[in-house]
Amino acid sequence: MAGDEVIRIMCPNLGCQRVLAVPSSARGKLVRCRGCGSNIRIPVPRAESPSAPQAAQPQQQKPAA
């Protein structure tokens, strides 16, 4: 991800709901909405690893002989 990308996120305050444009370097940090002053945590991207869905499946046990 390039450092010059912009993330657009809506303020979660129902009385405000302004669209904020923040740099991608703000991921995982708190920013303040200029419209209402609410603190908003910018989400980090989800790691898409192929092992995650496999970990959710239960392991099969071999029957004891």
N, C-alpha and C. Protein backbone atom coordinates (compact mmCIF):
# COMPACT_ATOMS: atom_id res chain seq x y z
N MET A 1 0.83 -1.17 0.00
CA MET A 1 0.00 0.00 0.00
C MET A 1 0.88 1.24 0.00
N ALA A 2 0.59 2.15 -0.86
CA ALA A 2 1.40 3.35 -0.95
C ALA A 2 1.04 4.32 0.17
N GLY A 3 2.00 5.12 0.59
CA GLY A 3 1.78 6.06 1.67
C GLY A 3 0.96 7.27 1.26
N ASP A 4 0.76 7.48 -0.05
CA ASP A 4 0.01 8.65 -0.49
C ASP A 4 -1.47 8.36 -0.72
N GLU A 5 -1.93 7.16 -0.39
CA GLU A 5 -3.34 6.83 -0.56
C GLU A 5 -4.18 7.51 0.51
N VAL A 6 -5.43 7.77 0.17
CA VAL A 6 -6.36 8.42 1.09
C VAL A 6 -7.45 7.42 1.46
N ILE A 7 -7.79 7.38 2.74
CA ILE A 7 -8.87 6.54 3.23
C ILE A 7 -10.06 7.44 3.50
N ARG A 8 -11.21 7.09 3.01
CA ARG A 8 -12.42 7.85 3.29
C ARG A 8 -13.25 7.05 4.28
N ILE A 9 -13.60 7.70 5.38
CA ILE A 9 -14.36 7.04 6.43
C ILE A 9 -15.42 8.01 6.95
N MET A 10 -16.60 7.46 7.27
CA MET A 10 -17.68 8.30 7.76
C MET A 10 -17.63 8.37 9.28
N CYS A 11 -17.86 9.55 9.82
CA CYS A 11 -17.91 9.74 11.26
C CYS A 11 -19.07 8.91 11.82
N PRO A 12 -18.81 8.09 12.85
CA PRO A 12 -19.87 7.24 13.39
C PRO A 12 -20.90 7.99 14.23
N ASN A 13 -20.66 9.26 14.55
CA ASN A 13 -21.60 10.06 15.32
C ASN A 13 -22.84 10.30 14.45
N LEU A 14 -24.01 9.83 14.92
CA LEU A 14 -25.23 9.94 14.12
C LEU A 14 -25.65 11.38 13.86
N GLY A 15 -25.23 12.30 14.70
CA GLY A 15 -25.56 13.70 14.49
C GLY A 15 -24.63 14.39 13.51
N CYS A 16 -23.54 13.74 13.15
CA CYS A 16 -22.53 14.36 12.29
C CYS A 16 -22.45 13.65 10.93
N GLN A 17 -21.97 12.44 10.94
CA GLN A 17 -21.81 11.59 9.75
C GLN A 17 -21.06 12.26 8.61
N ARG A 18 -20.06 13.07 8.96
CA ARG A 18 -19.20 13.68 7.94
C ARG A 18 -18.27 12.63 7.35
N VAL A 19 -17.91 12.79 6.10
CA VAL A 19 -16.95 11.90 5.46
C VAL A 19 -15.57 12.52 5.65
N LEU A 20 -14.69 11.74 6.29
CA LEU A 20 -13.34 12.21 6.55
C LEU A 20 -12.39 11.57 5.54
N ALA A 21 -11.43 12.33 5.07
CA ALA A 21 -10.38 11.83 4.19
C ALA A 21 -9.08 11.88 4.98
N VAL A 22 -8.54 10.70 5.31
CA VAL A 22 -7.31 10.63 6.11
C VAL A 22 -6.25 9.86 5.33
N PRO A 23 -4.97 10.16 5.55
CA PRO A 23 -3.92 9.43 4.84
C PRO A 23 -3.85 7.98 5.32
N SER A 24 -3.39 7.09 4.46
CA SER A 24 -3.31 5.67 4.82
C SER A 24 -2.32 5.44 5.96
N SER A 25 -1.43 6.38 6.21
CA SER A 25 -0.50 6.24 7.33
C SER A 25 -1.20 6.36 8.68
N ALA A 26 -2.48 6.79 8.68
CA ALA A 26 -3.24 6.92 9.92
C ALA A 26 -3.91 5.63 10.35
N ARG A 27 -3.73 4.54 9.60
CA ARG A 27 -4.35 3.25 9.95
C ARG A 27 -3.91 2.81 11.35
N GLY A 28 -4.91 2.42 12.16
CA GLY A 28 -4.63 1.96 13.51
C GLY A 28 -4.52 3.08 14.52
N LYS A 29 -4.67 4.32 14.09
CA LYS A 29 -4.52 5.47 14.98
C LYS A 29 -5.88 6.14 15.22
N LEU A 30 -5.91 7.00 16.23
CA LEU A 30 -7.10 7.79 16.51
C LEU A 30 -7.02 9.13 15.79
N VAL A 31 -8.12 9.51 15.16
CA VAL A 31 -8.21 10.84 14.55
C VAL A 31 -9.45 11.52 15.12
N ARG A 32 -9.48 12.82 15.06
CA ARG A 32 -10.60 13.58 15.59
C ARG A 32 -11.39 14.17 14.43
N CYS A 33 -12.70 13.97 14.47
CA CYS A 33 -13.58 14.55 13.46
C CYS A 33 -13.61 16.06 13.66
N ARG A 34 -13.40 16.80 12.59
CA ARG A 34 -13.41 18.26 12.70
C ARG A 34 -14.83 18.80 12.80
N GLY A 35 -15.81 17.98 12.44
CA GLY A 35 -17.19 18.44 12.50
C GLY A 35 -17.77 18.40 13.91
N CYS A 36 -17.51 17.30 14.64
CA CYS A 36 -18.14 17.15 15.95
C CYS A 36 -17.15 16.90 17.08
N GLY A 37 -15.89 16.62 16.76
CA GLY A 37 -14.88 16.40 17.78
C GLY A 37 -14.79 14.97 18.28
N SER A 38 -15.55 14.03 17.69
CA SER A 38 -15.48 12.63 18.10
C SER A 38 -14.15 12.01 17.72
N ASN A 39 -13.64 11.12 18.57
CA ASN A 39 -12.43 10.37 18.26
C ASN A 39 -12.82 9.12 17.48
N ILE A 40 -12.11 8.87 16.39
CA ILE A 40 -12.41 7.74 15.51
C ILE A 40 -11.13 6.95 15.30
N ARG A 41 -11.18 5.65 15.54
CA ARG A 41 -10.02 4.80 15.26
C ARG A 41 -10.11 4.33 13.82
N ILE A 42 -9.06 4.61 13.06
CA ILE A 42 -8.99 4.21 11.66
C ILE A 42 -8.63 2.73 11.61
N PRO A 43 -9.45 1.90 10.96
CA PRO A 43 -9.20 0.46 10.96
C PRO A 43 -7.95 0.08 10.17
N VAL A 44 -7.30 -0.99 10.62
CA VAL A 44 -6.15 -1.53 9.89
C VAL A 44 -6.68 -2.54 8.88
N PRO A 45 -5.98 -2.75 7.77
CA PRO A 45 -6.45 -3.72 6.78
C PRO A 45 -6.39 -5.13 7.35
N ARG A 46 -7.35 -5.94 6.96
CA ARG A 46 -7.37 -7.32 7.41
C ARG A 46 -6.29 -8.11 6.68
N ALA A 47 -5.60 -8.96 7.43
CA ALA A 47 -4.58 -9.80 6.83
C ALA A 47 -5.28 -10.98 6.16
N GLU A 48 -5.06 -11.12 4.89
CA GLU A 48 -5.69 -12.20 4.15
C GLU A 48 -4.72 -13.35 4.01
N SER A 49 -4.69 -14.20 5.04
CA SER A 49 -3.80 -15.35 4.99
C SER A 49 -4.62 -16.60 4.69
N PRO A 50 -4.11 -17.48 3.85
CA PRO A 50 -4.87 -18.69 3.50
C PRO A 50 -5.00 -19.65 4.68
N SER A 51 -4.19 -19.51 5.72
CA SER A 51 -4.26 -20.43 6.84
C SER A 51 -5.39 -20.10 7.80
N ALA A 52 -5.94 -18.89 7.74
CA ALA A 52 -7.00 -18.49 8.67
C ALA A 52 -8.26 -19.34 8.52
N PRO A 53 -8.79 -19.59 7.32
CA PRO A 53 -9.99 -20.43 7.23
C PRO A 53 -9.73 -21.86 7.68
N GLN A 54 -8.53 -22.36 7.49
CA GLN A 54 -8.22 -23.72 7.89
C GLN A 54 -8.18 -23.85 9.40
N ALA A 55 -7.79 -22.81 10.09
CA ALA A 55 -7.71 -22.86 11.55
C ALA A 55 -9.09 -22.95 12.17
N ALA A 56 -10.12 -22.49 11.48
CA ALA A 56 -11.47 -22.52 12.02
C ALA A 56 -12.09 -23.92 11.95
N GLN A 57 -11.55 -24.79 11.09
CA GLN A 57 -12.09 -26.14 10.96
C GLN A 57 -11.55 -27.02 12.08
N PRO A 58 -12.43 -27.82 12.72
CA PRO A 58 -11.95 -28.73 13.77
C PRO A 58 -11.10 -29.85 13.18
N GLN A 59 -10.11 -30.25 13.93
CA GLN A 59 -9.26 -31.33 13.47
C GLN A 59 -9.95 -32.66 13.71
N GLN A 60 -9.80 -33.58 12.75
CA GLN A 60 -10.40 -34.90 12.90
C GLN A 60 -9.45 -35.78 13.67
N GLN A 61 -10.01 -36.50 14.64
CA GLN A 61 -9.20 -37.40 15.43
C GLN A 61 -9.30 -38.81 14.88
N LYS A 62 -8.17 -39.51 14.87
CA LYS A 62 -8.17 -40.89 14.41
C LYS A 62 -8.71 -41.77 15.54
N PRO A 63 -9.56 -42.74 15.19
CA PRO A 63 -10.08 -43.63 16.24
C PRO A 63 -8.97 -44.52 16.81
N ALA A 64 -8.97 -44.70 18.11
CA ALA A 64 -7.97 -45.54 18.76
C ALA A 64 -8.30 -47.00 18.50
N ALA A 65 -7.28 -47.77 18.17
CA ALA A 65 -7.50 -49.19 17.86
C ALA A 65 -7.28 -50.08 19.05
